[in-house]
Amino acid sequence: MRALNADTQRIMVREMVYSALRTTGRDFNNPNSAYAGNYERGYAALERVFPGLREKNEDGSFKNYQGEINLFASRIKTERGGNIEFMVPGGGVVVGLSNTPEVLVNTGNDVLGMLTVAKGNVRGFARDHILVNQSRILTVGGGYVLLWSSEGDIDAGKGKKTATAVPPPVIRVDAQGNVTQELQGAASGSGIGALSSGGIKAGDIDLIAPRGR
């Protein structure tokens, strides 16, 4: 691996970390696995990338890493097959608030939160809470959702966490030749979801919160 260039190394490390987190979460709930009831492999994978991740000061606060992501009234969206990924070793992720004004929740095609319209995955980890609340984390084109919170909750608020079927996106081309994919009201409401569209099977959803819910 050392012979590879830096960009390739980073891609491979990310893939290994996310694979370790997903496998850890699934094995934890598999009574036939040798790692049933054990989250340590996931923590060990994160420690390899973020040394000292779990170290604390005498007052109980975390010693290393700082920072969070706050997406209130904003969005991260891919339309042509890109993934959305985040790693937050020093804090949490706020995708939306529990008391978001209705005008911002029901935005139609102008979807807030995290969304992949074409084939693309949403995956990430945070040390603290991942709070979706009245916003959204969605994949529409068959992608999967993988979320890990080391110390907090993964809270989808009132939103559904199950896969559902939606109409396929509409492809639009403007006068300048720009191509966009527009949802047909498929993402109204809130929550965490992997949606099937146009006959494409919905992806998996893995929500892993070893010390939360």
N, C-alpha and C. Protein backbone atom coordinates (compact mmCIF):
# COMPACT_ATOMS: atom_id res chain seq x y z
N MET A 1 0.83 -1.21 0.00
CA MET A 1 0.00 0.00 0.00
C MET A 1 0.86 1.26 0.00
N ARG A 2 2.06 1.19 0.61
CA ARG A 2 2.93 2.37 0.66
C ARG A 2 3.41 2.79 -0.72
N ALA A 3 3.38 1.85 -1.69
CA ALA A 3 3.83 2.18 -3.04
C ALA A 3 2.79 2.99 -3.80
N LEU A 4 1.57 3.05 -3.29
CA LEU A 4 0.51 3.79 -3.96
C LEU A 4 0.62 5.27 -3.68
N ASN A 5 0.04 6.10 -4.56
CA ASN A 5 0.08 7.54 -4.32
C ASN A 5 -0.86 7.90 -3.17
N ALA A 6 -0.72 9.12 -2.67
CA ALA A 6 -1.44 9.53 -1.46
C ALA A 6 -2.95 9.48 -1.63
N ASP A 7 -3.45 9.91 -2.79
CA ASP A 7 -4.90 9.91 -3.01
C ASP A 7 -5.47 8.50 -2.98
N THR A 8 -4.78 7.57 -3.63
CA THR A 8 -5.23 6.18 -3.64
C THR A 8 -5.18 5.58 -2.24
N GLN A 9 -4.16 5.92 -1.48
CA GLN A 9 -4.07 5.44 -0.10
C GLN A 9 -5.24 5.92 0.73
N ARG A 10 -5.60 7.20 0.58
CA ARG A 10 -6.72 7.75 1.35
C ARG A 10 -8.04 7.05 0.99
N ILE A 11 -8.24 6.78 -0.30
CA ILE A 11 -9.45 6.09 -0.72
C ILE A 11 -9.52 4.69 -0.10
N MET A 12 -8.39 3.98 -0.12
CA MET A 12 -8.37 2.63 0.42
C MET A 12 -8.59 2.63 1.93
N VAL A 13 -8.01 3.59 2.61
CA VAL A 13 -8.19 3.68 4.07
C VAL A 13 -9.66 3.94 4.39
N ARG A 14 -10.29 4.87 3.68
CA ARG A 14 -11.71 5.15 3.92
C ARG A 14 -12.56 3.89 3.70
N GLU A 15 -12.28 3.17 2.61
CA GLU A 15 -13.04 1.96 2.33
C GLU A 15 -12.88 0.94 3.45
N MET A 16 -11.67 0.78 3.95
CA MET A 16 -11.43 -0.19 5.01
C MET A 16 -12.12 0.22 6.31
N VAL A 17 -12.10 1.52 6.61
CA VAL A 17 -12.76 1.99 7.84
C VAL A 17 -14.27 1.75 7.76
N TYR A 18 -14.89 2.17 6.67
CA TYR A 18 -16.34 2.00 6.56
C TYR A 18 -16.73 0.53 6.52
N SER A 19 -15.91 -0.29 5.86
CA SER A 19 -16.19 -1.73 5.83
C SER A 19 -16.11 -2.31 7.24
N ALA A 20 -15.14 -1.86 8.02
CA ALA A 20 -14.99 -2.35 9.40
C ALA A 20 -16.17 -1.93 10.26
N LEU A 21 -16.65 -0.70 10.09
CA LEU A 21 -17.78 -0.22 10.88
C LEU A 21 -19.05 -1.00 10.55
N ARG A 22 -19.31 -1.19 9.27
CA ARG A 22 -20.52 -1.93 8.88
C ARG A 22 -20.46 -3.38 9.34
N THR A 23 -19.31 -4.03 9.14
CA THR A 23 -19.18 -5.43 9.57
C THR A 23 -19.32 -5.56 11.07
N THR A 24 -18.75 -4.61 11.81
CA THR A 24 -18.86 -4.64 13.27
C THR A 24 -20.31 -4.53 13.70
N GLY A 25 -21.05 -3.60 13.10
CA GLY A 25 -22.45 -3.43 13.47
C GLY A 25 -23.29 -4.65 13.15
N ARG A 26 -23.05 -5.26 12.01
CA ARG A 26 -23.84 -6.44 11.63
C ARG A 26 -23.47 -7.66 12.47
N ASP A 27 -22.17 -7.84 12.71
CA ASP A 27 -21.76 -8.98 13.54
C ASP A 27 -22.25 -8.86 14.97
N PHE A 28 -22.35 -7.62 15.47
CA PHE A 28 -22.84 -7.41 16.84
C PHE A 28 -24.22 -8.05 17.01
N ASN A 29 -25.06 -7.95 16.00
CA ASN A 29 -26.43 -8.45 16.08
C ASN A 29 -26.60 -9.87 15.53
N ASN A 30 -25.50 -10.50 15.15
CA ASN A 30 -25.55 -11.85 14.60
C ASN A 30 -25.15 -12.86 15.66
N PRO A 31 -26.09 -13.61 16.21
CA PRO A 31 -25.75 -14.55 17.29
C PRO A 31 -24.79 -15.66 16.85
N ASN A 32 -24.67 -15.88 15.54
CA ASN A 32 -23.77 -16.91 15.04
C ASN A 32 -22.35 -16.41 14.79
N SER A 33 -22.14 -15.11 14.98
CA SER A 33 -20.82 -14.52 14.74
C SER A 33 -19.94 -14.65 15.98
N ALA A 34 -18.65 -14.83 15.75
CA ALA A 34 -17.70 -14.87 16.87
C ALA A 34 -17.58 -13.51 17.54
N TYR A 35 -18.08 -12.46 16.87
CA TYR A 35 -18.00 -11.10 17.40
C TYR A 35 -19.37 -10.56 17.82
N ALA A 36 -20.31 -11.45 18.05
CA ALA A 36 -21.64 -11.03 18.50
C ALA A 36 -21.53 -10.27 19.82
N GLY A 37 -22.24 -9.14 19.90
CA GLY A 37 -22.23 -8.35 21.13
C GLY A 37 -20.95 -7.56 21.35
N ASN A 38 -20.11 -7.42 20.32
CA ASN A 38 -18.80 -6.78 20.47
C ASN A 38 -18.62 -5.69 19.42
N TYR A 39 -18.41 -4.45 19.88
CA TYR A 39 -18.19 -3.32 18.98
C TYR A 39 -16.72 -2.93 18.87
N GLU A 40 -15.83 -3.65 19.53
CA GLU A 40 -14.45 -3.18 19.66
C GLU A 40 -13.73 -3.07 18.32
N ARG A 41 -14.03 -3.94 17.36
CA ARG A 41 -13.33 -3.85 16.08
C ARG A 41 -13.60 -2.52 15.38
N GLY A 42 -14.83 -2.01 15.52
CA GLY A 42 -15.14 -0.71 14.92
C GLY A 42 -14.34 0.40 15.57
N TYR A 43 -14.29 0.38 16.90
CA TYR A 43 -13.50 1.40 17.60
C TYR A 43 -12.02 1.29 17.25
N ALA A 44 -11.52 0.07 17.12
CA ALA A 44 -10.10 -0.12 16.79
C ALA A 44 -9.79 0.44 15.41
N ALA A 45 -10.72 0.26 14.46
CA ALA A 45 -10.50 0.80 13.11
C ALA A 45 -10.43 2.32 13.13
N LEU A 46 -11.30 2.95 13.92
CA LEU A 46 -11.29 4.41 14.03
C LEU A 46 -10.03 4.91 14.72
N GLU A 47 -9.57 4.16 15.71
CA GLU A 47 -8.34 4.54 16.43
C GLU A 47 -7.13 4.50 15.52
N ARG A 48 -7.13 3.60 14.56
CA ARG A 48 -6.01 3.52 13.62
C ARG A 48 -5.90 4.79 12.78
N VAL A 49 -7.04 5.35 12.44
CA VAL A 49 -7.05 6.55 11.60
C VAL A 49 -6.98 7.82 12.45
N PHE A 50 -7.60 7.79 13.63
CA PHE A 50 -7.62 8.94 14.53
C PHE A 50 -7.07 8.51 15.90
N PRO A 51 -5.74 8.44 16.02
CA PRO A 51 -5.13 8.00 17.29
C PRO A 51 -5.58 8.86 18.47
N GLY A 52 -5.86 8.22 19.58
CA GLY A 52 -6.28 8.95 20.77
C GLY A 52 -7.73 9.38 20.74
N LEU A 53 -8.52 8.78 19.87
CA LEU A 53 -9.91 9.18 19.69
C LEU A 53 -10.72 9.10 20.99
N ARG A 54 -10.42 8.10 21.82
CA ARG A 54 -11.20 7.88 23.03
C ARG A 54 -10.53 8.41 24.30
N GLU A 55 -9.38 9.04 24.17
CA GLU A 55 -8.68 9.54 25.35
C GLU A 55 -9.45 10.71 25.97
N LYS A 56 -9.48 10.73 27.31
CA LYS A 56 -10.22 11.78 28.02
C LYS A 56 -9.33 12.51 29.02
N ASN A 57 -9.73 13.75 29.33
CA ASN A 57 -9.08 14.53 30.38
C ASN A 57 -9.60 14.07 31.74
N GLU A 58 -9.01 14.61 32.78
CA GLU A 58 -9.42 14.23 34.14
C GLU A 58 -10.87 14.60 34.43
N ASP A 59 -11.38 15.64 33.76
CA ASP A 59 -12.77 16.05 34.00
C ASP A 59 -13.77 15.26 33.17
N GLY A 60 -13.29 14.28 32.41
CA GLY A 60 -14.18 13.44 31.62
C GLY A 60 -14.40 13.91 30.20
N SER A 61 -13.91 15.09 29.86
CA SER A 61 -14.05 15.59 28.49
C SER A 61 -13.04 14.90 27.58
N PHE A 62 -13.34 14.88 26.30
CA PHE A 62 -12.44 14.22 25.37
C PHE A 62 -11.20 15.09 25.14
N LYS A 63 -10.06 14.42 25.06
CA LYS A 63 -8.77 15.11 25.04
C LYS A 63 -8.39 15.59 23.64
N ASN A 64 -8.72 14.81 22.64
CA ASN A 64 -8.24 15.10 21.28
C ASN A 64 -9.39 15.35 20.31
N TYR A 65 -9.12 16.15 19.30
CA TYR A 65 -10.03 16.44 18.20
C TYR A 65 -11.18 17.34 18.62
N GLN A 66 -11.53 18.23 17.72
CA GLN A 66 -12.64 19.17 17.93
C GLN A 66 -13.36 19.40 16.61
N GLY A 67 -14.59 19.89 16.72
CA GLY A 67 -15.32 20.28 15.52
C GLY A 67 -16.56 19.45 15.28
N GLU A 68 -17.54 20.06 14.63
CA GLU A 68 -18.79 19.38 14.30
C GLU A 68 -19.26 19.84 12.94
N ILE A 69 -20.34 19.23 12.44
CA ILE A 69 -20.98 19.64 11.19
C ILE A 69 -22.41 20.05 11.52
N ASN A 70 -22.82 21.22 11.04
CA ASN A 70 -24.17 21.71 11.26
C ASN A 70 -24.77 22.11 9.92
N LEU A 71 -25.80 21.38 9.49
CA LEU A 71 -26.40 21.62 8.17
C LEU A 71 -27.77 22.26 8.25
N PHE A 72 -28.12 22.86 9.37
CA PHE A 72 -29.46 23.44 9.49
C PHE A 72 -29.75 24.39 8.33
N ALA A 73 -30.91 24.16 7.69
CA ALA A 73 -31.40 24.98 6.56
C ALA A 73 -30.43 24.98 5.39
N SER A 74 -29.67 23.88 5.25
CA SER A 74 -28.77 23.76 4.09
C SER A 74 -28.72 22.30 3.66
N ARG A 75 -27.92 22.01 2.66
CA ARG A 75 -27.92 20.65 2.14
C ARG A 75 -26.57 20.28 1.54
N ILE A 76 -26.36 18.95 1.44
CA ILE A 76 -25.28 18.37 0.66
C ILE A 76 -25.96 17.39 -0.29
N LYS A 77 -25.79 17.58 -1.60
CA LYS A 77 -26.55 16.79 -2.57
C LYS A 77 -25.66 16.42 -3.76
N THR A 78 -25.76 15.17 -4.20
CA THR A 78 -25.12 14.75 -5.44
C THR A 78 -26.20 14.29 -6.40
N GLU A 79 -26.01 14.56 -7.70
CA GLU A 79 -27.03 14.26 -8.69
C GLU A 79 -26.58 13.27 -9.76
N ARG A 80 -25.30 12.98 -9.85
CA ARG A 80 -24.81 12.16 -10.97
C ARG A 80 -23.97 10.98 -10.48
N GLY A 81 -24.35 10.42 -9.37
CA GLY A 81 -23.70 9.20 -8.92
C GLY A 81 -22.66 9.36 -7.84
N GLY A 82 -22.45 10.54 -7.32
CA GLY A 82 -21.43 10.75 -6.30
C GLY A 82 -21.89 10.32 -4.91
N ASN A 83 -20.94 9.91 -4.08
CA ASN A 83 -21.21 9.57 -2.69
C ASN A 83 -21.13 10.81 -1.81
N ILE A 84 -21.73 10.71 -0.64
CA ILE A 84 -21.57 11.72 0.41
C ILE A 84 -20.94 11.02 1.59
N GLU A 85 -19.82 11.54 2.07
CA GLU A 85 -19.11 10.93 3.19
C GLU A 85 -18.70 12.01 4.19
N PHE A 86 -18.68 11.64 5.47
CA PHE A 86 -18.17 12.56 6.48
C PHE A 86 -17.51 11.78 7.61
N MET A 87 -16.48 12.37 8.18
CA MET A 87 -15.81 11.82 9.36
C MET A 87 -15.63 12.96 10.36
N VAL A 88 -16.22 12.82 11.53
CA VAL A 88 -16.21 13.89 12.53
C VAL A 88 -15.68 13.31 13.84
N PRO A 89 -14.36 13.21 14.00
CA PRO A 89 -13.80 12.57 15.19
C PRO A 89 -13.92 13.40 16.46
N GLY A 90 -14.24 14.70 16.34
CA GLY A 90 -14.25 15.55 17.52
C GLY A 90 -15.59 16.13 17.90
N GLY A 91 -16.68 15.62 17.32
CA GLY A 91 -17.98 16.21 17.63
C GLY A 91 -19.11 15.44 16.99
N GLY A 92 -20.22 16.14 16.76
CA GLY A 92 -21.40 15.50 16.21
C GLY A 92 -21.82 16.12 14.90
N VAL A 93 -22.95 15.64 14.39
CA VAL A 93 -23.50 16.12 13.13
C VAL A 93 -24.96 16.51 13.36
N VAL A 94 -25.30 17.74 13.03
CA VAL A 94 -26.68 18.22 13.10
C VAL A 94 -27.17 18.42 11.67
N VAL A 95 -28.01 17.51 11.20
CA VAL A 95 -28.55 17.62 9.85
C VAL A 95 -29.78 18.52 9.86
N GLY A 96 -30.55 18.47 10.92
CA GLY A 96 -31.73 19.31 11.05
C GLY A 96 -32.17 19.40 12.50
N LEU A 97 -33.02 20.35 12.80
CA LEU A 97 -33.51 20.57 14.16
C LEU A 97 -34.87 19.91 14.35
N SER A 98 -35.24 19.71 15.61
CA SER A 98 -36.54 19.09 15.91
C SER A 98 -37.70 20.06 15.73
N ASN A 99 -37.40 21.36 15.69
CA ASN A 99 -38.46 22.37 15.55
C ASN A 99 -38.27 23.20 14.28
N THR A 100 -37.83 22.54 13.21
CA THR A 100 -37.62 23.25 11.95
C THR A 100 -38.94 23.80 11.41
N PRO A 101 -38.99 25.07 10.97
CA PRO A 101 -40.23 25.62 10.39
C PRO A 101 -40.72 24.78 9.23
N GLU A 102 -42.04 24.61 9.11
CA GLU A 102 -42.62 23.75 8.07
C GLU A 102 -42.21 24.17 6.68
N VAL A 103 -42.04 25.46 6.47
CA VAL A 103 -41.67 25.95 5.14
C VAL A 103 -40.31 25.41 4.71
N LEU A 104 -39.44 25.09 5.69
CA LEU A 104 -38.14 24.53 5.37
C LEU A 104 -38.17 23.02 5.29
N VAL A 105 -39.10 22.37 6.00
CA VAL A 105 -39.20 20.91 5.97
C VAL A 105 -39.77 20.44 4.64
N ASN A 106 -40.86 21.04 4.21
CA ASN A 106 -41.55 20.64 2.99
C ASN A 106 -41.11 21.52 1.83
N THR A 107 -39.92 21.24 1.33
CA THR A 107 -39.33 22.09 0.30
C THR A 107 -39.50 21.53 -1.10
N GLY A 108 -40.21 20.42 -1.26
CA GLY A 108 -40.40 19.85 -2.59
C GLY A 108 -39.09 19.36 -3.17
N ASN A 109 -38.76 19.79 -4.38
CA ASN A 109 -37.55 19.33 -5.06
C ASN A 109 -36.28 19.95 -4.49
N ASP A 110 -36.41 21.04 -3.80
CA ASP A 110 -35.24 21.72 -3.22
C ASP A 110 -34.95 21.09 -1.85
N VAL A 111 -34.45 19.87 -1.86
CA VAL A 111 -34.37 19.05 -0.67
C VAL A 111 -33.24 19.48 0.26
N LEU A 112 -33.56 19.64 1.54
CA LEU A 112 -32.55 19.92 2.54
C LEU A 112 -31.96 18.62 3.06
N GLY A 113 -30.84 18.72 3.76
CA GLY A 113 -30.23 17.54 4.36
C GLY A 113 -29.13 16.96 3.50
N MET A 114 -28.99 15.62 3.53
CA MET A 114 -28.02 14.91 2.71
C MET A 114 -28.77 14.00 1.76
N LEU A 115 -28.46 14.10 0.46
CA LEU A 115 -29.24 13.37 -0.54
C LEU A 115 -28.37 12.99 -1.72
N THR A 116 -28.45 11.72 -2.13
CA THR A 116 -27.86 11.29 -3.40
C THR A 116 -29.00 10.92 -4.33
N VAL A 117 -29.09 11.60 -5.47
CA VAL A 117 -30.21 11.40 -6.39
C VAL A 117 -29.96 10.21 -7.30
N ALA A 118 -28.82 10.17 -7.96
CA ALA A 118 -28.46 9.01 -8.77
C ALA A 118 -27.80 7.98 -7.84
N LYS A 119 -27.18 6.95 -8.41
CA LYS A 119 -26.58 5.92 -7.57
C LYS A 119 -25.43 6.52 -6.77
N GLY A 120 -25.57 6.53 -5.48
CA GLY A 120 -24.56 7.08 -4.59
C GLY A 120 -24.91 6.73 -3.16
N ASN A 121 -23.90 6.57 -2.33
CA ASN A 121 -24.10 6.18 -0.94
C ASN A 121 -23.91 7.36 0.00
N VAL A 122 -24.50 7.27 1.18
CA VAL A 122 -24.24 8.23 2.25
C VAL A 122 -23.65 7.44 3.40
N ARG A 123 -22.45 7.80 3.80
CA ARG A 123 -21.82 7.08 4.90
C ARG A 123 -20.95 8.04 5.71
N GLY A 124 -20.93 7.82 7.00
CA GLY A 124 -20.15 8.71 7.84
C GLY A 124 -20.13 8.25 9.28
N PHE A 125 -19.22 8.85 10.03
CA PHE A 125 -19.16 8.57 11.45
C PHE A 125 -18.94 9.87 12.20
N ALA A 126 -19.42 9.90 13.41
CA ALA A 126 -19.21 11.03 14.31
C ALA A 126 -18.93 10.50 15.70
N ARG A 127 -18.21 11.27 16.48
CA ARG A 127 -17.99 10.86 17.87
C ARG A 127 -19.26 11.03 18.68
N ASP A 128 -19.97 12.13 18.45
CA ASP A 128 -21.17 12.44 19.24
C ASP A 128 -22.43 12.16 18.42
N HIS A 129 -23.54 12.79 18.80
CA HIS A 129 -24.83 12.51 18.17
C HIS A 129 -24.83 12.83 16.67
N ILE A 130 -25.61 12.04 15.93
CA ILE A 130 -25.98 12.37 14.55
C ILE A 130 -27.47 12.64 14.59
N LEU A 131 -27.85 13.92 14.49
CA LEU A 131 -29.23 14.35 14.68
C LEU A 131 -29.84 14.77 13.35
N VAL A 132 -30.74 13.95 12.84
CA VAL A 132 -31.42 14.25 11.59
C VAL A 132 -32.70 15.04 11.87
N ASN A 133 -33.42 14.61 12.90
CA ASN A 133 -34.65 15.28 13.31
C ASN A 133 -35.61 15.46 12.14
N GLN A 134 -35.99 16.69 11.83
CA GLN A 134 -36.97 16.92 10.75
C GLN A 134 -36.33 17.14 9.38
N SER A 135 -35.04 16.89 9.29
CA SER A 135 -34.38 16.96 7.99
C SER A 135 -34.30 15.55 7.41
N ARG A 136 -33.32 15.31 6.51
CA ARG A 136 -33.29 14.05 5.77
C ARG A 136 -31.86 13.58 5.51
N ILE A 137 -31.68 12.28 5.54
CA ILE A 137 -30.52 11.62 4.93
C ILE A 137 -31.12 10.55 4.02
N LEU A 138 -30.99 10.72 2.70
CA LEU A 138 -31.66 9.84 1.76
C LEU A 138 -30.75 9.44 0.60
N THR A 139 -30.92 8.22 0.13
CA THR A 139 -30.38 7.80 -1.16
C THR A 139 -31.58 7.42 -2.03
N VAL A 140 -31.53 7.80 -3.30
CA VAL A 140 -32.68 7.59 -4.19
C VAL A 140 -32.38 6.57 -5.28
N GLY A 141 -31.16 6.44 -5.72
CA GLY A 141 -30.84 5.60 -6.87
C GLY A 141 -30.24 4.26 -6.52
N GLY A 142 -30.59 3.69 -5.37
CA GLY A 142 -30.09 2.37 -5.00
C GLY A 142 -28.92 2.38 -4.04
N GLY A 143 -28.45 3.54 -3.65
CA GLY A 143 -27.32 3.61 -2.73
C GLY A 143 -27.72 3.22 -1.31
N TYR A 144 -26.70 2.93 -0.50
CA TYR A 144 -26.95 2.54 0.88
C TYR A 144 -26.61 3.68 1.83
N VAL A 145 -27.07 3.54 3.09
CA VAL A 145 -26.78 4.49 4.14
C VAL A 145 -26.05 3.76 5.27
N LEU A 146 -24.90 4.28 5.66
CA LEU A 146 -24.12 3.72 6.77
C LEU A 146 -23.73 4.84 7.71
N LEU A 147 -24.22 4.80 8.94
CA LEU A 147 -23.92 5.82 9.93
C LEU A 147 -23.45 5.17 11.22
N TRP A 148 -22.40 5.73 11.83
CA TRP A 148 -21.85 5.24 13.10
C TRP A 148 -21.66 6.43 14.02
N SER A 149 -22.17 6.34 15.23
CA SER A 149 -21.91 7.34 16.27
C SER A 149 -21.21 6.63 17.42
N SER A 150 -19.97 7.06 17.72
CA SER A 150 -19.17 6.37 18.73
C SER A 150 -19.71 6.55 20.14
N GLU A 151 -20.18 7.75 20.45
CA GLU A 151 -20.57 8.05 21.83
C GLU A 151 -22.01 8.53 21.97
N GLY A 152 -22.70 8.78 20.87
CA GLY A 152 -24.02 9.39 20.97
C GLY A 152 -25.12 8.60 20.29
N ASP A 153 -26.21 9.30 19.98
CA ASP A 153 -27.38 8.71 19.35
C ASP A 153 -27.38 8.99 17.85
N ILE A 154 -28.14 8.19 17.12
CA ILE A 154 -28.50 8.49 15.73
C ILE A 154 -30.00 8.71 15.75
N ASP A 155 -30.40 9.96 15.64
CA ASP A 155 -31.79 10.34 15.88
C ASP A 155 -32.43 10.84 14.59
N ALA A 156 -33.39 10.08 14.07
CA ALA A 156 -34.11 10.49 12.87
C ALA A 156 -35.40 11.21 13.19
N GLY A 157 -35.63 11.50 14.45
CA GLY A 157 -36.80 12.27 14.83
C GLY A 157 -38.09 11.59 14.39
N LYS A 158 -38.93 12.33 13.70
CA LYS A 158 -40.21 11.81 13.23
C LYS A 158 -40.10 11.07 11.91
N GLY A 159 -38.93 11.06 11.32
CA GLY A 159 -38.79 10.47 9.99
C GLY A 159 -38.75 8.96 10.01
N LYS A 160 -39.13 8.36 8.88
CA LYS A 160 -39.09 6.92 8.74
C LYS A 160 -37.67 6.45 8.44
N LYS A 161 -37.34 5.24 8.90
CA LYS A 161 -36.02 4.67 8.67
C LYS A 161 -36.07 3.50 7.70
N THR A 162 -37.18 3.30 7.02
CA THR A 162 -37.34 2.16 6.15
C THR A 162 -37.30 2.56 4.69
N ALA A 163 -36.99 1.57 3.82
CA ALA A 163 -36.95 1.84 2.38
C ALA A 163 -38.36 1.96 1.84
N THR A 164 -38.51 2.75 0.79
CA THR A 164 -39.81 2.92 0.15
C THR A 164 -39.59 3.13 -1.34
N ALA A 165 -40.65 3.10 -2.11
CA ALA A 165 -40.54 3.30 -3.56
C ALA A 165 -40.96 4.71 -3.92
N VAL A 166 -40.26 5.33 -4.86
CA VAL A 166 -40.57 6.68 -5.29
C VAL A 166 -40.48 6.74 -6.81
N PRO A 167 -41.11 7.73 -7.45
CA PRO A 167 -40.99 7.87 -8.91
C PRO A 167 -39.54 8.19 -9.28
N PRO A 168 -39.10 7.81 -10.49
CA PRO A 168 -37.74 8.14 -10.91
C PRO A 168 -37.56 9.64 -11.07
N PRO A 169 -36.35 10.16 -10.87
CA PRO A 169 -36.11 11.59 -11.05
C PRO A 169 -36.35 12.01 -12.50
N VAL A 170 -36.71 13.27 -12.69
CA VAL A 170 -36.89 13.84 -14.02
C VAL A 170 -35.56 14.46 -14.46
N ILE A 171 -35.12 14.13 -15.68
CA ILE A 171 -33.89 14.69 -16.23
C ILE A 171 -34.23 15.96 -16.98
N ARG A 172 -33.57 17.06 -16.63
CA ARG A 172 -33.83 18.34 -17.28
C ARG A 172 -32.53 18.90 -17.86
N VAL A 173 -32.64 19.53 -19.01
CA VAL A 173 -31.49 20.17 -19.66
C VAL A 173 -31.86 21.62 -19.93
N ASP A 174 -31.05 22.57 -19.42
CA ASP A 174 -31.37 23.98 -19.62
C ASP A 174 -30.77 24.49 -20.92
N ALA A 175 -30.96 25.79 -21.20
CA ALA A 175 -30.53 26.38 -22.46
C ALA A 175 -29.01 26.33 -22.64
N GLN A 176 -28.29 26.25 -21.54
CA GLN A 176 -26.82 26.19 -21.61
C GLN A 176 -26.31 24.75 -21.69
N GLY A 177 -27.21 23.78 -21.71
CA GLY A 177 -26.80 22.39 -21.80
C GLY A 177 -26.50 21.73 -20.46
N ASN A 178 -26.82 22.41 -19.36
CA ASN A 178 -26.60 21.82 -18.04
C ASN A 178 -27.67 20.78 -17.74
N VAL A 179 -27.24 19.60 -17.33
CA VAL A 179 -28.16 18.50 -17.05
C VAL A 179 -28.34 18.36 -15.54
N THR A 180 -29.59 18.33 -15.10
CA THR A 180 -29.88 18.13 -13.68
C THR A 180 -30.94 17.06 -13.53
N GLN A 181 -30.93 16.41 -12.37
CA GLN A 181 -31.96 15.43 -12.03
C GLN A 181 -32.83 16.00 -10.93
N GLU A 182 -34.12 16.00 -11.15
CA GLU A 182 -35.04 16.65 -10.21
C GLU A 182 -36.01 15.62 -9.64
N LEU A 183 -36.12 15.61 -8.32
CA LEU A 183 -37.03 14.68 -7.68
C LEU A 183 -38.48 15.06 -7.93
N GLN A 184 -39.34 14.06 -7.99
CA GLN A 184 -40.77 14.30 -8.22
C GLN A 184 -41.54 14.22 -6.91
N GLY A 185 -41.22 15.08 -5.99
CA GLY A 185 -41.91 15.07 -4.71
C GLY A 185 -41.59 13.87 -3.86
N ALA A 186 -40.51 13.16 -4.21
CA ALA A 186 -40.21 11.90 -3.54
C ALA A 186 -39.65 12.09 -2.14
N ALA A 187 -39.08 13.23 -1.88
CA ALA A 187 -38.36 13.40 -0.63
C ALA A 187 -39.06 14.34 0.33
N SER A 188 -40.38 14.44 0.24
CA SER A 188 -41.09 15.23 1.23
C SER A 188 -41.07 14.47 2.55
N GLY A 189 -41.25 15.18 3.66
CA GLY A 189 -41.14 14.52 4.95
C GLY A 189 -39.71 14.54 5.45
N SER A 190 -39.40 13.62 6.36
CA SER A 190 -38.08 13.65 6.98
C SER A 190 -37.62 12.26 7.35
N GLY A 191 -36.37 12.16 7.79
CA GLY A 191 -35.88 10.89 8.29
C GLY A 191 -34.68 10.36 7.54
N ILE A 192 -34.35 9.10 7.80
CA ILE A 192 -33.24 8.40 7.16
C ILE A 192 -33.84 7.33 6.26
N GLY A 193 -33.48 7.32 4.99
CA GLY A 193 -34.09 6.35 4.10
C GLY A 193 -33.23 6.00 2.91
N ALA A 194 -33.41 4.76 2.41
CA ALA A 194 -32.85 4.32 1.14
C ALA A 194 -34.04 4.03 0.24
N LEU A 195 -34.22 4.81 -0.80
CA LEU A 195 -35.43 4.77 -1.61
C LEU A 195 -35.19 4.05 -2.92
N SER A 196 -36.16 3.24 -3.34
CA SER A 196 -36.09 2.60 -4.65
C SER A 196 -36.74 3.52 -5.67
N SER A 197 -36.17 3.58 -6.86
CA SER A 197 -36.66 4.52 -7.88
C SER A 197 -36.52 3.90 -9.25
N GLY A 198 -37.62 3.94 -10.03
CA GLY A 198 -37.56 3.47 -11.41
C GLY A 198 -37.17 2.01 -11.54
N GLY A 199 -37.61 1.16 -10.61
CA GLY A 199 -37.29 -0.26 -10.66
C GLY A 199 -35.96 -0.62 -10.05
N ILE A 200 -35.20 0.36 -9.55
CA ILE A 200 -33.92 0.10 -8.89
C ILE A 200 -34.17 -0.27 -7.44
N LYS A 201 -33.60 -1.37 -6.99
CA LYS A 201 -33.79 -1.82 -5.62
C LYS A 201 -33.12 -0.87 -4.65
N ALA A 202 -33.81 -0.61 -3.54
CA ALA A 202 -33.25 0.27 -2.51
C ALA A 202 -32.05 -0.38 -1.84
N GLY A 203 -31.12 0.46 -1.41
CA GLY A 203 -29.94 -0.04 -0.71
C GLY A 203 -30.22 -0.34 0.75
N ASP A 204 -29.19 -0.83 1.43
CA ASP A 204 -29.29 -1.16 2.86
C ASP A 204 -29.14 0.08 3.72
N ILE A 205 -29.64 -0.02 4.94
CA ILE A 205 -29.45 1.03 5.94
C ILE A 205 -28.82 0.42 7.17
N ASP A 206 -27.64 0.89 7.56
CA ASP A 206 -26.96 0.45 8.77
C ASP A 206 -26.77 1.64 9.69
N LEU A 207 -27.46 1.64 10.83
CA LEU A 207 -27.35 2.71 11.82
C LEU A 207 -26.76 2.09 13.08
N ILE A 208 -25.55 2.53 13.45
CA ILE A 208 -24.81 1.87 14.52
C ILE A 208 -24.42 2.89 15.58
N ALA A 209 -24.96 2.73 16.77
CA ALA A 209 -24.71 3.64 17.88
C ALA A 209 -24.41 2.79 19.12
N PRO A 210 -23.16 2.36 19.30
CA PRO A 210 -22.82 1.44 20.38
C PRO A 210 -23.20 1.94 21.76
N ARG A 211 -23.12 3.24 22.00
CA ARG A 211 -23.43 3.78 23.33
C ARG A 211 -24.69 4.64 23.34
N GLY A 212 -25.43 4.60 22.25
CA GLY A 212 -26.64 5.41 22.17
C GLY A 212 -27.80 4.58 21.68
N ARG A 213 -28.62 5.22 20.87
CA ARG A 213 -29.80 4.52 20.32
C ARG A 213 -30.09 5.05 18.92
